[in-house]
Amino acid sequence: MVLLSLEIRAELENLLNLQPQEASDFPYFFKVKCNNCGEITEKYSCVVFSELLYLPNSRGKAHLVQRCKFCSREGSVTMMEGKGRPYTLEDSEAGKYVPLMCFDCRGIEPCEFSFRSGWAATGASGTKFLDIDLTEGDFTEYDEKESCPVAISNLEHRFVVSK
């Protein structure tokens, strides 16, 4: 068992935070690496906290159960609640990575995250920006209340071993 934490970093302009819009229904898209043979999937797998699958030949459940196409080993990924937090303006100014979600990995592990849509941010005026699409790697909009532009850019991610 390996606990991997998905950490993100970004530059926020006139935004107080960045986070998934709906925590329990937010789709995490990532490629998966087999711990046995090292094969990485070509397609992204989608994992949602509210969707659990039964593990074959077990009483347990996981958010992702997948068999390696190369060596046929089966693995699973389970999301760990309460291990992440929103990315804030202070984090952005400090250039810090912040944990977004933690995954309990058995036999497979996520290795390449795709930001996509479903994000939310709050402007300095309190304006809520919902259903932000970060597929292209950035977001720009205008905050009418503050009369200023808002932006998200230079998105980065990493998976780190967690305790």
Protein backbone atom coordinates (compact mmCIF):
# COMPACT_ATOMS: atom_id res chain seq x y z
CA MET A 1 0.00 0.00 0.00
CA VAL A 2 1.27 3.43 -1.00
CA LEU A 3 -0.39 6.72 -0.08
CA LEU A 4 0.12 9.29 -2.82
CA SER A 5 -0.92 12.89 -2.43
CA LEU A 6 -1.89 14.95 -5.48
CA GLU A 7 -0.40 18.40 -4.95
CA ILE A 8 -1.09 21.44 -7.14
CA ARG A 9 0.53 24.82 -7.69
CA ALA A 10 -0.65 27.81 -9.73
CA GLU A 11 -0.45 31.55 -10.10
CA LEU A 12 -3.64 33.25 -8.91
CA GLU A 13 -4.33 36.84 -9.95
CA ASN A 14 -6.98 38.68 -7.88
CA LEU A 15 -8.42 35.35 -6.71
CA LEU A 16 -8.49 34.23 -3.08
CA ASN A 17 -8.64 30.47 -3.71
CA LEU A 18 -8.98 27.60 -6.18
CA GLN A 19 -10.69 24.30 -5.43
CA PRO A 20 -12.96 21.62 -6.90
CA GLN A 21 -16.50 22.98 -7.22
CA GLU A 22 -18.23 19.88 -5.79
CA ALA A 23 -15.83 17.87 -3.63
CA SER A 24 -17.81 14.60 -3.65
CA ASP A 25 -18.61 14.73 -7.39
CA PHE A 26 -15.38 16.26 -8.71
CA PRO A 27 -13.85 14.03 -11.42
CA TYR A 28 -10.10 13.44 -11.06
CA PHE A 29 -8.56 12.43 -14.39
CA PHE A 30 -5.14 10.79 -14.40
CA LYS A 31 -3.06 8.22 -16.20
CA VAL A 32 -2.21 5.08 -14.24
CA LYS A 33 1.12 3.29 -13.87
CA CYS A 34 1.34 -0.44 -13.10
CA ASN A 35 3.60 -1.08 -10.10
CA ASN A 36 4.48 -4.54 -11.44
CA CYS A 37 5.67 -3.83 -15.00
CA GLY A 38 5.81 -0.02 -15.11
CA GLU A 39 3.35 0.27 -18.01
CA ILE A 40 1.50 3.61 -18.17
CA THR A 41 -2.02 3.75 -19.60
CA GLU A 42 -2.58 5.71 -22.81
CA LYS A 43 -5.99 7.00 -21.73
CA TYR A 44 -6.95 8.94 -18.61
CA SER A 45 -8.96 7.18 -15.91
CA CYS A 46 -11.72 9.11 -14.14
CA VAL A 47 -12.17 8.78 -10.38
CA VAL A 48 -15.02 10.38 -8.40
CA PHE A 49 -15.26 10.25 -4.60
CA SER A 50 -18.99 9.45 -4.60
CA GLU A 51 -18.54 6.39 -6.85
CA LEU A 52 -17.23 3.18 -5.24
CA LEU A 53 -16.61 -0.18 -6.90
CA TYR A 54 -16.40 -3.62 -5.30
CA LEU A 55 -12.96 -5.23 -5.39
CA PRO A 56 -13.01 -8.63 -7.12
CA ASN A 57 -12.64 -11.58 -4.73
CA SER A 58 -12.85 -9.25 -1.73
CA ARG A 59 -15.31 -7.48 0.53
CA GLY A 60 -13.52 -4.19 0.05
CA LYS A 61 -14.34 -1.23 -2.18
CA ALA A 62 -12.23 1.23 -4.15
CA HIS A 63 -12.79 4.24 -6.38
CA LEU A 64 -10.84 2.71 -9.27
CA VAL A 65 -10.20 -0.95 -10.06
CA GLN A 66 -8.11 -1.56 -13.15
CA ARG A 67 -6.22 -4.43 -14.79
CA CYS A 68 -2.90 -3.76 -16.54
CA LYS A 69 -3.18 -4.47 -20.28
CA PHE A 70 0.48 -5.52 -20.41
CA CYS A 71 0.97 -7.90 -17.45
CA SER A 72 -2.71 -8.47 -16.46
CA ARG A 73 -2.11 -7.57 -12.80
CA GLU A 74 -5.04 -5.91 -11.08
CA GLY A 75 -4.75 -2.82 -8.94
CA SER A 76 -6.93 -0.32 -7.15
CA VAL A 77 -7.00 3.31 -6.04
CA THR A 78 -9.06 4.56 -3.10
CA MET A 79 -9.51 8.25 -2.37
CA MET A 80 -8.85 9.39 1.22
CA GLU A 81 -11.28 11.97 2.58
CA GLY A 82 -10.02 15.01 4.51
CA LYS A 83 -6.42 14.97 3.27
CA GLY A 84 -6.60 17.99 0.93
CA ARG A 85 -7.46 21.66 1.07
CA PRO A 86 -8.18 24.62 -1.25
CA TYR A 87 -5.27 26.36 -2.95
CA THR A 88 -5.08 29.96 -1.64
CA LEU A 89 -3.66 33.28 -2.77
CA GLU A 90 -1.04 33.00 0.01
CA ASP A 91 0.04 29.60 -1.37
CA SER A 92 0.29 31.15 -4.84
CA GLU A 93 2.39 34.09 -3.63
CA ALA A 94 4.72 31.69 -1.79
CA GLY A 95 4.93 29.34 -4.81
CA LYS A 96 3.87 26.40 -2.63
CA TYR A 97 2.44 23.05 -3.66
CA VAL A 98 -0.71 22.18 -1.71
CA PRO A 99 -2.33 18.74 -1.28
CA LEU A 100 -5.63 18.47 -3.14
CA MET A 101 -6.44 14.76 -2.62
CA CYS A 102 -4.75 11.66 -1.21
CA PHE A 103 -4.95 8.23 -2.84
CA ASP A 104 -4.43 4.77 -1.29
CA CYS A 105 -2.76 2.87 -4.15
CA ARG A 106 -2.48 -0.91 -4.41
CA GLY A 107 -0.77 -2.34 -7.48
CA ILE A 108 -1.29 0.79 -9.58
CA GLU A 109 -0.70 4.48 -8.99
CA PRO A 110 -1.70 7.76 -10.64
CA CYS A 111 1.14 9.44 -12.53
CA GLU A 112 -0.20 12.25 -14.75
CA PHE A 113 -3.08 14.51 -13.68
CA SER A 114 -5.32 16.39 -16.14
CA PHE A 115 -6.92 19.56 -14.71
CA ARG A 116 -10.04 19.75 -16.97
CA SER A 117 -13.31 21.40 -15.76
CA GLY A 118 -15.33 21.64 -12.55
CA TRP A 119 -13.18 24.11 -10.60
CA ALA A 120 -14.32 27.06 -8.51
CA ALA A 121 -12.59 30.23 -7.34
CA THR A 122 -13.48 33.29 -5.29
CA GLY A 123 -12.50 36.81 -6.35
CA ALA A 124 -11.19 39.45 -3.95
CA SER A 125 -14.67 41.03 -4.00
CA GLY A 126 -16.32 37.75 -2.98
CA THR A 127 -17.50 37.02 -6.52
CA LYS A 128 -17.79 33.28 -7.14
CA PHE A 129 -16.40 31.91 -10.39
CA LEU A 130 -17.93 28.47 -10.99
CA ASP A 131 -17.38 25.60 -13.43
CA ILE A 132 -13.94 26.85 -14.40
CA ASP A 133 -12.37 24.85 -17.23
CA LEU A 134 -8.61 24.45 -16.81
CA THR A 135 -8.17 22.03 -19.74
CA GLU A 136 -6.09 24.59 -21.64
CA GLY A 137 -3.95 25.31 -18.57
CA ASP A 138 -5.26 28.77 -17.72
CA PHE A 139 -8.36 30.84 -16.95
CA THR A 140 -9.07 34.55 -17.42
CA GLU A 141 -12.18 36.51 -16.54
CA TYR A 142 -13.22 39.94 -15.29
CA ASP A 143 -14.48 40.69 -11.77
CA GLU A 144 -17.20 43.35 -12.23
CA LYS A 145 -17.42 44.20 -8.50
CA GLU A 146 -13.69 44.90 -8.16
CA SER A 147 -13.31 46.20 -11.74
CA CYS A 148 -10.23 44.06 -12.28
CA PRO A 149 -9.13 41.02 -14.27
CA VAL A 150 -8.81 37.63 -12.57
CA ALA A 151 -6.65 34.79 -13.79
CA ILE A 152 -5.27 31.34 -13.09
CA SER A 153 -2.06 30.39 -14.87
CA ASN A 154 1.08 28.24 -14.72
CA LEU A 155 -0.76 25.19 -13.39
CA GLU A 156 1.47 22.41 -12.11
CA HIS A 157 0.89 19.13 -10.31
CA ARG A 158 2.89 16.38 -8.70
CA PHE A 159 2.21 13.12 -6.90
CA VAL A 160 4.21 12.68 -3.67
CA VAL A 161 4.36 9.85 -1.17
CA SER A 162 2.25 10.76 1.85
CA LYS A 163 1.98 9.43 5.39
